PDB file of N, CA and C in Angstrom:
ATOM      1  N   MET A   1     -10.201 -28.890 -10.255  1.00  0.00           N
ATOM      2  CA  MET A   1     -10.127 -27.858 -10.887  1.00  0.00           C
ATOM      3  C   MET A   1      -8.560 -27.434 -10.859  1.00  0.00           C
ATOM      4  N   ASP A   2      -8.300 -27.140 -12.066  1.00  0.00           N
ATOM      5  CA  ASP A   2      -7.033 -26.622 -12.463  1.00  0.00           C
ATOM      6  C   ASP A   2      -7.145 -24.912 -12.503  1.00  0.00           C
ATOM      7  N   THR A   3      -6.839 -24.085 -11.424  1.00  0.00           N
ATOM      8  CA  THR A   3      -7.279 -22.759 -11.781  1.00  0.00           C
ATOM      9  C   THR A   3      -6.222 -22.310 -12.887  1.00  0.00           C
ATOM     10  N   TRP A   4      -5.516 -22.594 -12.895  1.00  0.00           N
ATOM     11  CA  TRP A   4      -4.440 -22.004 -13.884  1.00  0.00           C
ATOM     12  C   TRP A   4      -4.847 -22.177 -15.192  1.00  0.00           C
ATOM     13  N   ASP A   5      -5.249 -23.361 -15.676  1.00  0.00           N
ATOM     14  CA  ASP A   5      -6.009 -23.746 -17.131  1.00  0.00           C
ATOM     15  C   ASP A   5      -6.968 -23.213 -17.043  1.00  0.00           C
ATOM     16  N   GLU A   6      -8.209 -22.610 -16.070  1.00  0.00           N
ATOM     17  CA  GLU A   6      -9.334 -22.176 -15.999  1.00  0.00           C
ATOM     18  C   GLU A   6      -9.175 -20.842 -16.993  1.00  0.00           C
ATOM     19  N   CYS A   7      -8.654 -19.979 -15.917  1.00  0.00           N
ATOM     20  CA  CYS A   7      -8.330 -18.172 -16.082  1.00  0.00           C
ATOM     21  C   CYS A   7      -7.618 -18.240 -16.865  1.00  0.00           C
ATOM     22  N   PHE A   8      -6.449 -18.484 -17.420  1.00  0.00           N
ATOM     23  CA  PHE A   8      -5.501 -18.107 -18.270  1.00  0.00           C
ATOM     24  C   PHE A   8      -5.176 -19.057 -19.908  1.00  0.00           C
ATOM     25  N   ARG A   9      -5.808 -20.172 -20.058  1.00  0.00           N
ATOM     26  CA  ARG A   9      -6.416 -20.591 -21.508  1.00  0.00           C
ATOM     27  C   ARG A   9      -6.732 -19.650 -22.303  1.00  0.00           C
ATOM     28  N   PRO A  10      -8.085 -19.296 -22.276  1.00  0.00           N
ATOM     29  CA  PRO A  10      -8.950 -18.238 -22.726  1.00  0.00           C
ATOM     30  C   PRO A  10      -8.725 -16.878 -22.369  1.00  0.00           C
ATOM     31  N   VAL A  11      -7.720 -16.390 -23.376  1.00  0.00           N
ATOM     32  CA  VAL A  11      -6.989 -15.334 -22.187  1.00  0.00           C
ATOM     33  C   VAL A  11      -8.015 -14.273 -22.527  1.00  0.00           C
ATOM     34  N   ARG A  12      -8.478 -13.614 -20.859  1.00  0.00           N
ATOM     35  CA  ARG A  12      -9.599 -13.006 -21.109  1.00  0.00           C
ATOM     36  C   ARG A  12      -9.097 -11.999 -20.156  1.00  0.00           C
ATOM     37  N   ALA A  13      -8.763 -10.729 -20.927  1.00  0.00           N
ATOM     38  CA  ALA A  13      -8.048  -9.698 -20.358  1.00  0.00           C
ATOM     39  C   ALA A  13      -8.501  -8.556 -21.074  1.00  0.00           C
ATOM     40  N   TYR A  14      -8.588  -7.457 -21.198  1.00  0.00           N
ATOM     41  CA  TYR A  14      -8.801  -5.887 -21.949  1.00  0.00           C
ATOM     42  C   TYR A  14      -7.651  -5.077 -21.489  1.00  0.00           C
ATOM     43  N   ALA A  15      -7.149  -4.387 -22.575  1.00  0.00           N
ATOM     44  CA  ALA A  15      -6.200  -3.109 -22.117  1.00  0.00           C
ATOM     45  C   ALA A  15      -6.908  -1.806 -21.676  1.00  0.00           C
ATOM     46  N   ALA A  16      -6.145  -1.230 -20.736  1.00  0.00           N
ATOM     47  CA  ALA A  16      -6.886  -0.392 -20.346  1.00  0.00           C
ATOM     48  C   ALA A  16      -5.526   0.766 -20.501  1.00  0.00           C
ATOM     49  N   LYS A  17      -6.356   2.346 -20.741  1.00  0.00           N
ATOM     50  CA  LYS A  17      -5.018   3.050 -20.529  1.00  0.00           C
ATOM     51  C   LYS A  17      -5.207   3.964 -19.570  1.00  0.00           C
ATOM     52  N   THR A  18      -4.034   4.105 -18.930  1.00  0.00           N
ATOM     53  CA  THR A  18      -3.684   4.482 -17.736  1.00  0.00           C
ATOM     54  C   THR A  18      -3.283   6.189 -17.633  1.00  0.00           C
ATOM     55  N   ARG A  19      -3.648   6.812 -16.830  1.00  0.00           N
ATOM     56  CA  ARG A  19      -3.020   8.408 -16.942  1.00  0.00           C
ATOM     57  C   ARG A  19      -2.025   8.834 -17.697  1.00  0.00           C
ATOM     58  N   GLU A  20      -0.903   7.577 -17.374  1.00  0.00           N
ATOM     59  CA  GLU A  20       0.385   8.090 -17.754  1.00  0.00           C
ATOM     60  C   GLU A  20       0.160   7.928 -19.229  1.00  0.00           C
ATOM     61  N   GLY A  21      -0.890   7.690 -20.104  1.00  0.00           N
ATOM     62  CA  GLY A  21      -0.804   7.257 -21.469  1.00  0.00           C
ATOM     63  C   GLY A  21      -0.227   5.383 -21.622  1.00  0.00           C
ATOM     64  N   ARG A  22      -0.059   5.074 -20.849  1.00  0.00           N
ATOM     65  CA  ARG A  22       0.724   3.369 -21.109  1.00  0.00           C
ATOM     66  C   ARG A  22      -1.032   2.514 -20.806  1.00  0.00           C
ATOM     67  N   PHE A  23      -0.762   1.149 -21.625  1.00  0.00           N
ATOM     68  CA  PHE A  23      -1.710   0.511 -21.646  1.00  0.00           C
ATOM     69  C   PHE A  23      -1.270  -0.937 -20.708  1.00  0.00           C
ATOM     70  N   VAL A  24      -2.258  -1.367 -19.815  1.00  0.00           N
ATOM     71  CA  VAL A  24      -2.011  -2.112 -18.982  1.00  0.00           C
ATOM     72  C   VAL A  24      -3.400  -3.222 -19.350  1.00  0.00           C
ATOM     73  N   LEU A  25      -2.908  -4.718 -19.018  1.00  0.00           N
ATOM     74  CA  LEU A  25      -4.030  -5.668 -19.112  1.00  0.00           C
ATOM     75  C   LEU A  25      -5.139  -5.408 -17.698  1.00  0.00           C
ATOM     76  N   VAL A  26      -6.069  -5.765 -18.283  1.00  0.00           N
ATOM     77  CA  VAL A  26      -6.830  -5.487 -16.876  1.00  0.00           C
ATOM     78  C   VAL A  26      -7.508  -7.131 -16.779  1.00  0.00           C
ATOM     79  N   PRO A  27      -7.524  -7.971 -15.925  1.00  0.00           N
ATOM     80  CA  PRO A  27      -8.410  -9.160 -16.216  1.00  0.00           C
ATOM     81  C   PRO A  27      -9.791  -9.099 -16.300  1.00  0.00           C
ATOM     82  N   ASP A  28     -10.413 -10.080 -17.057  1.00  0.00           N
ATOM     83  CA  ASP A  28     -11.892 -10.077 -17.020  1.00  0.00           C
ATOM     84  C   ASP A  28     -12.555 -10.011 -15.612  1.00  0.00           C
ATOM     85  N   PRO A  29     -13.143  -9.446 -15.534  1.00  0.00           N
ATOM     86  CA  PRO A  29     -14.279  -9.213 -13.930  1.00  0.00           C
ATOM     87  C   PRO A  29     -14.714 -10.540 -13.701  1.00  0.00           C
ATOM     88  N   LYS A  30     -15.254 -11.087 -14.830  1.00  0.00           N
ATOM     89  CA  LYS A  30     -15.629 -12.588 -14.400  1.00  0.00           C
ATOM     90  C   LYS A  30     -14.907 -13.672 -13.920  1.00  0.00           C
ATOM     91  N   VAL A  31     -13.736 -13.590 -14.598  1.00  0.00           N
ATOM     92  CA  VAL A  31     -13.031 -14.602 -13.913  1.00  0.00           C
ATOM     93  C   VAL A  31     -12.416 -13.894 -12.590  1.00  0.00           C
ATOM     94  N   VAL A  32     -12.344 -12.780 -12.147  1.00  0.00           N
ATOM     95  CA  VAL A  32     -11.880 -12.406 -10.730  1.00  0.00           C
ATOM     96  C   VAL A  32     -12.711 -12.763 -10.074  1.00  0.00           C
ATOM     97  N   ARG A  33     -13.910 -12.495 -10.074  1.00  0.00           N
ATOM     98  CA  ARG A  33     -15.268 -12.778  -9.586  1.00  0.00           C
ATOM     99  C   ARG A  33     -15.469 -14.314  -9.376  1.00  0.00           C
ATOM    100  N   ARG A  34     -15.158 -15.126 -10.217  1.00  0.00           N
ATOM    101  CA  ARG A  34     -15.034 -16.811 -10.011  1.00  0.00           C
ATOM    102  C   ARG A  34     -13.698 -17.418  -8.811  1.00  0.00           C
ATOM    103  N   LEU A  35     -12.722 -16.335  -9.427  1.00  0.00           N
ATOM    104  CA  LEU A  35     -11.562 -16.950  -8.094  1.00  0.00           C
ATOM    105  C   LEU A  35     -11.731 -16.226  -6.812  1.00  0.00           C
ATOM    106  N   LEU A  36     -12.278 -14.943  -6.684  1.00  0.00           N
ATOM    107  CA  LEU A  36     -12.979 -14.473  -5.320  1.00  0.00           C
ATOM    108  C   LEU A  36     -13.726 -15.719  -4.766  1.00  0.00           C
ATOM    109  N   THR A  37     -14.702 -16.030  -5.543  1.00  0.00           N
ATOM    110  CA  THR A  37     -15.645 -16.884  -4.789  1.00  0.00           C
ATOM    111  C   THR A  37     -15.146 -18.460  -4.753  1.00  0.00           C
ATOM    112  N   ARG A  38     -13.988 -18.737  -5.357  1.00  0.00           N
ATOM    113  CA  ARG A  38     -13.144 -19.943  -4.840  1.00  0.00           C
ATOM    114  C   ARG A  38     -12.470 -19.815  -4.031  1.00  0.00           C
ATOM    115  N   TYR A  39     -11.668 -19.126  -3.793  1.00  0.00           N
ATOM    116  CA  TYR A  39     -10.774 -18.565  -2.714  1.00  0.00           C
ATOM    117  C   TYR A  39     -11.757 -18.353  -0.999  1.00  0.00           C
ATOM    118  N   ALA A  40     -12.730 -17.806  -1.490  1.00  0.00           N
ATOM    119  CA  ALA A  40     -13.759 -17.462  -0.031  1.00  0.00           C
ATOM    120  C   ALA A  40     -13.839 -19.185  -0.004  1.00  0.00           C
ATOM    121  N   THR A  41     -14.611 -19.687  -0.604  1.00  0.00           N
ATOM    122  CA  THR A  41     -15.227 -21.125  -0.411  1.00  0.00           C
ATOM    123  C   THR A  41     -14.038 -22.048   0.143  1.00  0.00           C
ATOM    124  N   LEU A  42     -13.284 -21.973  -0.314  1.00  0.00           N
ATOM    125  CA  LEU A  42     -11.854 -22.915   0.076  1.00  0.00           C
ATOM    126  C   LEU A  42     -11.298 -22.392   1.130  1.00  0.00           C
ATOM    127  N   ARG A  43     -11.393 -20.793   1.891  1.00  0.00           N
ATOM    128  CA  ARG A  43     -10.840 -20.704   3.477  1.00  0.00           C
ATOM    129  C   ARG A  43     -12.304 -21.071   4.356  1.00  0.00           C
ATOM    130  N   ILE A  44     -13.545 -21.176   3.988  1.00  0.00           N
ATOM    131  CA  ILE A  44     -14.633 -21.727   4.740  1.00  0.00           C
ATOM    132  C   ILE A  44     -14.598 -22.822   5.000  1.00  0.00           C
ATOM    133  N   ALA A  45     -14.133 -23.955   3.499  1.00  0.00           N
ATOM    134  CA  ALA A  45     -13.802 -25.559   3.752  1.00  0.00           C
ATOM    135  C   ALA A  45     -12.652 -25.702   4.792  1.00  0.00           C
ATOM    136  N   GLN A  46     -11.243 -24.963   4.762  1.00  0.00           N
ATOM    137  CA  GLN A  46     -10.299 -24.962   5.831  1.00  0.00           C
ATOM    138  C   GLN A  46     -10.688 -24.673   6.820  1.00  0.00           C
ATOM    139  N   ALA A  47     -11.769 -23.636   7.415  1.00  0.00           N
ATOM    140  CA  ALA A  47     -11.845 -23.268   8.648  1.00  0.00           C
ATOM    141  C   ALA A  47     -12.525 -24.627   9.336  1.00  0.00           C
ATOM    142  N   GLU A  48     -13.555 -24.948   8.603  1.00  0.00           N
ATOM    143  CA  GLU A  48     -14.305 -25.786   8.881  1.00  0.00           C
ATOM    144  C   GLU A  48     -13.822 -27.590   9.187  1.00  0.00           C
ATOM    145  N   ARG A  49     -13.071 -27.658   8.172  1.00  0.00           N
ATOM    146  CA  ARG A  49     -11.855 -29.067   8.518  1.00  0.00           C
ATOM    147  C   ARG A  49     -10.991 -28.927   7.354  1.00  0.00           C
ATOM    148  N   TYR A  50      -9.675 -29.250   8.025  1.00  0.00           N
ATOM    149  CA  TYR A  50      -8.556 -28.832   7.017  1.00  0.00           C
ATOM    150  C   TYR A  50      -8.607 -30.700   6.346  1.00  0.00           C
ATOM    151  N   SER A  51      -8.032 -29.752   4.795  1.00  0.00           N
ATOM    152  CA  SER A  51      -7.470 -30.786   3.905  1.00  0.00           C
ATOM    153  C   SER A  51      -6.603 -30.373   2.992  1.00  0.00           C
ATOM    154  N   PRO A  52      -5.566 -31.073   3.209  1.00  0.00           N
ATOM    155  CA  PRO A  52      -4.154 -30.771   2.463  1.00  0.00           C
ATOM    156  C   PRO A  52      -4.867 -30.469   0.855  1.00  0.00           C
ATOM    157  N   ALA A  53      -5.463 -31.113   0.350  1.00  0.00           N
ATOM    158  CA  ALA A  53      -5.974 -31.083  -0.864  1.00  0.00           C
ATOM    159  C   ALA A  53      -6.295 -29.154  -1.217  1.00  0.00           C
ATOM    160  N   ALA A  54      -7.089 -29.441  -0.165  1.00  0.00           N
ATOM    161  CA  ALA A  54      -8.038 -28.218  -0.749  1.00  0.00           C
ATOM    162  C   ALA A  54      -6.541 -27.140   0.071  1.00  0.00           C
ATOM    163  N   ALA A  55      -5.945 -26.864   1.248  1.00  0.00           N
ATOM    164  CA  ALA A  55      -4.653 -25.855   1.203  1.00  0.00           C
ATOM    165  C   ALA A  55      -4.091 -25.725   0.004  1.00  0.00           C
ATOM    166  N   ARG A  56      -3.713 -26.968  -0.845  1.00  0.00           N
ATOM    167  CA  ARG A  56      -3.007 -26.868  -1.930  1.00  0.00           C
ATOM    168  C   ARG A  56      -3.533 -25.812  -2.934  1.00  0.00           C
ATOM    169  N   GLU A  57      -4.828 -26.157  -2.913  1.00  0.00           N
ATOM    170  CA  GLU A  57      -5.667 -25.413  -4.114  1.00  0.00           C
ATOM    171  C   GLU A  57      -5.822 -24.101  -3.858  1.00  0.00           C
ATOM    172  N   LEU A  58      -6.301 -23.428  -2.182  1.00  0.00           N
ATOM    173  CA  LEU A  58      -6.283 -22.436  -1.700  1.00  0.00           C
ATOM    174  C   LEU A  58      -5.100 -21.395  -2.193  1.00  0.00           C
ATOM    175  N   GLU A  59      -3.707 -22.092  -1.894  1.00  0.00           N
ATOM    176  CA  GLU A  59      -2.449 -21.454  -2.072  1.00  0.00           C
ATOM    177  C   GLU A  59      -2.450 -21.633  -3.702  1.00  0.00           C
ATOM    178  N   GLU A  60      -3.086 -22.233  -4.686  1.00  0.00           N
ATOM    179  CA  GLU A  60      -2.603 -21.647  -5.832  1.00  0.00           C
ATOM    180  C   GLU A  60      -3.588 -21.002  -6.183  1.00  0.00           C
ATOM    181  N   VAL A  61      -5.339 -20.747  -6.044  1.00  0.00           N
ATOM    182  CA  VAL A  61      -5.823 -19.701  -5.955  1.00  0.00           C
ATOM    183  C   VAL A  61      -5.478 -18.643  -5.493  1.00  0.00           C
ATOM    184  N   GLY A  62      -4.831 -18.318  -4.564  1.00  0.00           N
ATOM    185  CA  GLY A  62      -4.808 -17.205  -4.181  1.00  0.00           C
ATOM    186  C   GLY A  62      -3.198 -16.799  -4.873  1.00  0.00           C
ATOM    187  N   SER A  63      -2.192 -17.429  -5.231  1.00  0.00           N
ATOM    188  CA  SER A  63      -0.837 -17.223  -5.756  1.00  0.00           C
ATOM    189  C   SER A  63      -1.725 -16.728  -7.454  1.00  0.00           C
ATOM    190  N   THR A  64      -2.646 -17.114  -7.819  1.00  0.00           N
ATOM    191  CA  THR A  64      -3.624 -16.829  -9.367  1.00  0.00           C
ATOM    192  C   THR A  64      -3.880 -15.071  -9.405  1.00  0.00           C
ATOM    193  N   LEU A  65      -4.693 -15.202  -7.877  1.00  0.00           N
ATOM    194  CA  LEU A  65      -4.826 -13.615  -7.558  1.00  0.00           C
ATOM    195  C   LEU A  65      -4.252 -12.452  -7.536  1.00  0.00           C
ATOM    196  N   CYS A  66      -3.246 -13.161  -6.989  1.00  0.00           N
ATOM    197  CA  CYS A  66      -1.852 -12.199  -7.142  1.00  0.00           C
ATOM    198  C   CYS A  66      -1.124 -11.653  -8.169  1.00  0.00           C
ATOM    199  N   GLY A  67      -1.270 -12.969  -9.095  1.00  0.00           N
ATOM    200  CA  GLY A  67      -0.344 -12.922 -10.115  1.00  0.00           C
ATOM    201  C   GLY A  67      -1.675 -12.016 -11.427  1.00  0.00           C
ATOM    202  N   MET A  68      -2.383 -11.831 -11.239  1.00  0.00           N
ATOM    203  CA  MET A  68      -3.796 -11.440 -12.337  1.00  0.00           C
ATOM    204  C   MET A  68      -3.770  -9.494 -11.643  1.00  0.00           C
ATOM    205  N   THR A  69      -3.689  -9.290 -10.629  1.00  0.00           N
ATOM    206  CA  THR A  69      -3.795  -8.214  -9.945  1.00  0.00           C
ATOM    207  C   THR A  69      -2.548  -7.740  -9.547  1.00  0.00           C
ATOM    208  N   GLY A  70      -1.207  -8.196 -10.170  1.00  0.00           N
ATOM    209  CA  GLY A  70       0.168  -7.613  -9.320  1.00  0.00           C
ATOM    210  C   GLY A  70       0.512  -7.566  -8.136  1.00  0.00           C
ATOM    211  N   ALA A  71      -0.609  -7.863  -6.991  1.00  0.00           N
ATOM    212  CA  ALA A  71      -0.270  -7.599  -5.879  1.00  0.00           C
ATOM    213  C   ALA A  71       1.038  -8.652  -5.214  1.00  0.00           C
ATOM    214  N   SER A  72       1.810  -8.447  -3.871  1.00  0.00           N
ATOM    215  CA  SER A  72       2.433  -9.731  -3.666  1.00  0.00           C
ATOM    216  C   SER A  72       2.256 -10.206  -2.497  1.00  0.00           C
ATOM    217  N   CYS A  73       1.195  -9.619  -2.025  1.00  0.00           N
ATOM    218  CA  CYS A  73       0.551 -11.135  -1.173  1.00  0.00           C
ATOM    219  C   CYS A  73      -1.050 -11.091  -1.277  1.00  0.00           C
ATOM    220  N   VAL A  74      -2.018 -12.088  -0.771  1.00  0.00           N
ATOM    221  CA  VAL A  74      -3.275 -12.519  -0.857  1.00  0.00           C
ATOM    222  C   VAL A  74      -3.915 -11.138  -0.389  1.00  0.00           C
ATOM    223  N   PRO A  75      -3.849 -10.749   0.896  1.00  0.00           N
ATOM    224  CA  PRO A  75      -4.936  -9.701   1.346  1.00  0.00           C
ATOM    225  C   PRO A  75      -4.651  -8.412   0.226  1.00  0.00           C
ATOM    226  N   ASP A  76      -3.722  -8.222  -0.223  1.00  0.00           N
ATOM    227  CA  ASP A  76      -3.962  -6.735  -1.092  1.00  0.00           C
ATOM    228  C   ASP A  76      -4.514  -7.544  -2.277  1.00  0.00           C
ATOM    229  N   ALA A  77      -4.209  -8.671  -3.364  1.00  0.00           N
ATOM    230  CA  ALA A  77      -4.541  -8.998  -4.225  1.00  0.00           C
ATOM    231  C   ALA A  77      -6.525  -9.455  -4.230  1.00  0.00           C
ATOM    232  N   ILE A  78      -6.689  -9.615  -3.055  1.00  0.00           N
ATOM    233  CA  ILE A  78      -7.797  -9.817  -2.863  1.00  0.00           C
ATOM    234  C   ILE A  78      -8.284  -7.994  -2.829  1.00  0.00           C
ATOM    235  N   ALA A  79      -8.403  -7.127  -2.145  1.00  0.00           N
ATOM    236  CA  ALA A  79      -8.606  -5.669  -2.286  1.00  0.00           C
ATOM    237  C   ALA A  79      -8.463  -4.905  -3.654  1.00  0.00           C
ATOM    238  N   LEU A  80      -7.677  -5.394  -4.198  1.00  0.00           N
ATOM    239  CA  LEU A  80      -7.547  -4.961  -5.875  1.00  0.00           C
ATOM    240  C   LEU A  80      -8.581  -5.735  -6.684  1.00  0.00           C
ATOM    241  N   ALA A  81      -8.753  -6.896  -6.460  1.00  0.00           N
ATOM    242  CA  ALA A  81      -9.648  -7.657  -7.075  1.00  0.00           C
ATOM    243  C   ALA A  81     -11.288  -6.863  -6.937  1.00  0.00           C
ATOM    244  N   ASP A  82     -11.323  -6.940  -5.514  1.00  0.00           N
ATOM    245  CA  ASP A  82     -12.716  -5.844  -5.069  1.00  0.00           C
ATOM    246  C   ASP A  82     -12.934  -4.373  -5.873  1.00  0.00           C
ATOM    247  N   ASP A  83     -11.667  -4.186  -5.843  1.00  0.00           N
ATOM    248  CA  ASP A  83     -11.638  -2.703  -6.687  1.00  0.00           C
ATOM    249  C   ASP A  83     -11.734  -2.935  -8.259  1.00  0.00           C
ATOM    250  N   LEU A  84     -11.322  -3.544  -9.110  1.00  0.00           N
ATOM    251  CA  LEU A  84     -11.635  -4.074 -10.067  1.00  0.00           C
ATOM    252  C   LEU A  84     -13.119  -4.358 -10.170  1.00  0.00           C
ATOM    253  N   LEU A  85     -13.589  -5.279  -9.902  1.00  0.00           N
ATOM    254  CA  LEU A  85     -14.991  -5.542  -9.243  1.00  0.00           C
ATOM    255  C   LEU A  85     -15.827  -4.331  -9.221  1.00  0.00           C
ATOM    256  N   ASP A  86     -15.432  -3.481  -8.526  1.00  0.00           N
ATOM    257  CA  ASP A  86     -16.464  -2.332  -8.241  1.00  0.00           C
ATOM    258  C   ASP A  86     -16.211  -1.612  -9.680  1.00  0.00           C
ATOM    259  N   ARG A  87     -15.355  -1.180 -10.030  1.00  0.00           N
ATOM    260  CA  ARG A  87     -15.094  -0.180 -11.050  1.00  0.00           C
ATOM    261  C   ARG A  87     -15.847  -1.091 -12.785  1.00  0.00           C
ATOM    262  N   ALA A  88     -16.015  -1.996 -13.080  1.00  0.00           N
ATOM    263  CA  ALA A  88     -16.346  -2.744 -13.426  1.00  0.00           C
ATOM    264  C   ALA A  88     -18.107  -2.892 -13.504  1.00  0.00           C
ATOM    265  N   ARG A  89     -18.703  -2.556 -12.666  1.00  0.00           N
ATOM    266  CA  ARG A  89     -20.195  -2.359 -12.215  1.00  0.00           C
ATOM    267  C   ARG A  89     -20.625  -1.087 -12.974  1.00  0.00           C
ATOM    268  N   PRO A  90     -22.020  -1.332 -13.602  1.00  0.00           N
ATOM    269  CA  PRO A  90     -22.264  -0.141 -14.557  1.00  0.00           C
ATOM    270  C   PRO A  90     -22.859   0.867 -13.717  1.00  0.00           C
ATOM    271  N   ALA A  91     -22.740   2.179 -14.304  1.00  0.00           N
ATOM    272  CA  ALA A  91     -23.335   3.336 -13.749  1.00  0.00           C
ATOM    273  C   ALA A  91     -24.675   3.242 -13.494  1.00  0.00           C
ATOM    274  N   ALA A  92     -25.419   4.017 -12.206  1.00  0.00           N
ATOM    275  CA  ALA A  92     -26.655   3.846 -12.444  1.00  0.00           C
ATOM    276  C   ALA A  92     -27.685   4.749 -13.768  1.00  0.00           C
ATOM    277  N   GLY A  93     -28.720   3.930 -13.802  1.00  0.00           N
ATOM    278  CA  GLY A  93     -28.810   4.581 -15.350  1.00  0.00           C
ATOM    279  C   GLY A  93     -28.519   4.268 -16.710  1.00  0.00           C
ATOM    280  N   ARG A  94     -27.210   3.553 -16.659  1.00  0.00           N
ATOM    281  CA  ARG A  94     -26.793   3.233 -17.788  1.00  0.00           C
ATOM    282  C   ARG A  94     -26.803   1.374 -17.937  1.00  0.00           C
ATOM    283  N   PRO A  95     -27.090   1.185 -19.137  1.00  0.00           N
ATOM    284  CA  PRO A  95     -27.479  -0.785 -18.917  1.00  0.00           C
ATOM    285  C   PRO A  95     -26.287  -1.349 -18.745  1.00  0.00           C
ATOM    286  N   PRO A  96     -25.977  -2.453 -18.421  1.00  0.00           N
ATOM    287  CA  PRO A  96     -24.928  -2.985 -18.199  1.00  0.00           C
ATOM    288  C   PRO A  96     -24.357  -3.379 -19.687  1.00  0.00           C
ATOM    289  N   GLU A  97     -22.884  -3.604 -19.666  1.00  0.00           N
ATOM    290  CA  GLU A  97     -22.698  -4.154 -20.520  1.00  0.00           C
ATOM    291  C   GLU A  97     -22.566  -5.341 -20.872  1.00  0.00           C
ATOM    292  N   THR A  98     -22.171  -5.986 -22.451  1.00  0.00           N
ATOM    293  CA  THR A  98     -22.509  -7.392 -22.561  1.00  0.00           C
ATOM    294  C   THR A  98     -20.925  -7.628 -22.641  1.00  0.00           C
ATOM    295  N   ASP A  99     -20.659  -9.008 -22.737  1.00  0.00           N
ATOM    296  CA  ASP A  99     -19.514  -9.370 -23.170  1.00  0.00           C
ATOM    297  C   ASP A  99     -19.655 -10.177 -24.073  1.00  0.00           C
ATOM    298  N   GLY A 100     -20.354 -10.039 -25.496  1.00  0.00           N
ATOM    299  CA  GLY A 100     -20.531 -10.468 -26.682  1.00  0.00           C
ATOM    300  C   GLY A 100     -20.783 -11.898 -26.664  1.00  0.00           C
ATOM    301  N   GLU A 101     -21.223 -12.680 -25.707  1.00  0.00           N
ATOM    302  CA  GLU A 101     -20.991 -14.190 -25.771  1.00  0.00           C
ATOM    303  C   GLU A 101     -22.319 -14.405 -24.911  1.00  0.00           C
ATOM    304  N   GLY A 102     -23.500 -14.421 -26.068  1.00  0.00           N
ATOM    305  CA  GLY A 102     -24.902 -14.591 -26.069  1.00  0.00           C
ATOM    306  C   GLY A 102     -25.599 -13.674 -24.882  1.00  0.00           C
ATOM    307  N   GLY A 103     -24.689 -12.674 -24.530  1.00  0.00           N
ATOM    308  CA  GLY A 103     -25.433 -11.067 -24.349  1.00  0.00           C
ATOM    309  C   GLY A 103     -25.527 -11.287 -22.738  1.00  0.00           C
ATOM    310  N   LEU A 104     -24.597 -11.999 -22.055  1.00  0.00           N
ATOM    311  CA  LEU A 104     -24.534 -12.100 -20.444  1.00  0.00           C
ATOM    312  C   LEU A 104     -24.154 -10.834 -20.101  1.00  0.00           C
ATOM    313  N   SER A 105     -24.522 -10.212 -19.377  1.00  0.00           N
ATOM    314  CA  SER A 105     -23.980  -9.173 -18.205  1.00  0.00           C
ATOM    315  C   SER A 105     -22.780  -9.175 -18.102  1.00  0.00           C
ATOM    316  N   LEU A 106     -22.006  -8.229 -17.309  1.00  0.00           N
ATOM    317  CA  LEU A 106     -21.209  -8.478 -16.442  1.00  0.00           C
ATOM    318  C   LEU A 106     -21.291  -7.646 -15.349  1.00  0.00           C
ATOM    319  N   ALA A 107     -22.515  -7.027 -15.026  1.00  0.00           N
ATOM    320  CA  ALA A 107     -22.812  -6.626 -13.655  1.00  0.00           C
ATOM    321  C   ALA A 107     -22.424  -7.617 -12.466  1.00  0.00           C
ATOM    322  N   VAL A 108     -22.093  -7.283 -11.380  1.00  0.00           N
ATOM    323  CA  VAL A 108     -22.185  -8.083 -10.602  1.00  0.00           C
ATOM    324  C   VAL A 108     -22.991  -8.372  -9.807  1.00  0.00           C
TER     325      VAL A 108
END
C-alpha cells in the first residue's frame, strides 16, 4: 500500500474558517481514521516481530499523519488526528452527515 497515493491522489479535504477569519484545509476524517488504524496495526506488528518493510511503512504513515495535521512529531499528530475525529462526530440527537458517496456516514 502506498500511503501517499491512497491519501492524496483524490484530494479529500475541506476548508474550515478559523476564529481569525482565515480558511484552512482540514483532512477528511475517513482518511485520518484509516491512517490512524494503519499506524496502530503497524506498531503492533513491529512489537510482535520486527520487519524492515513494516518499519519503513510505519515511518511513511507517521510522516503522512504529521503532514496532514501540521504536527512536527508523530505523538502530536496522533493527538491532533484524534481531536479531528472527535470534532467530526455528530452531536447527540443530530443525524450523522453523509459524504455524498452512497450516503456513507462520517460518524466514527
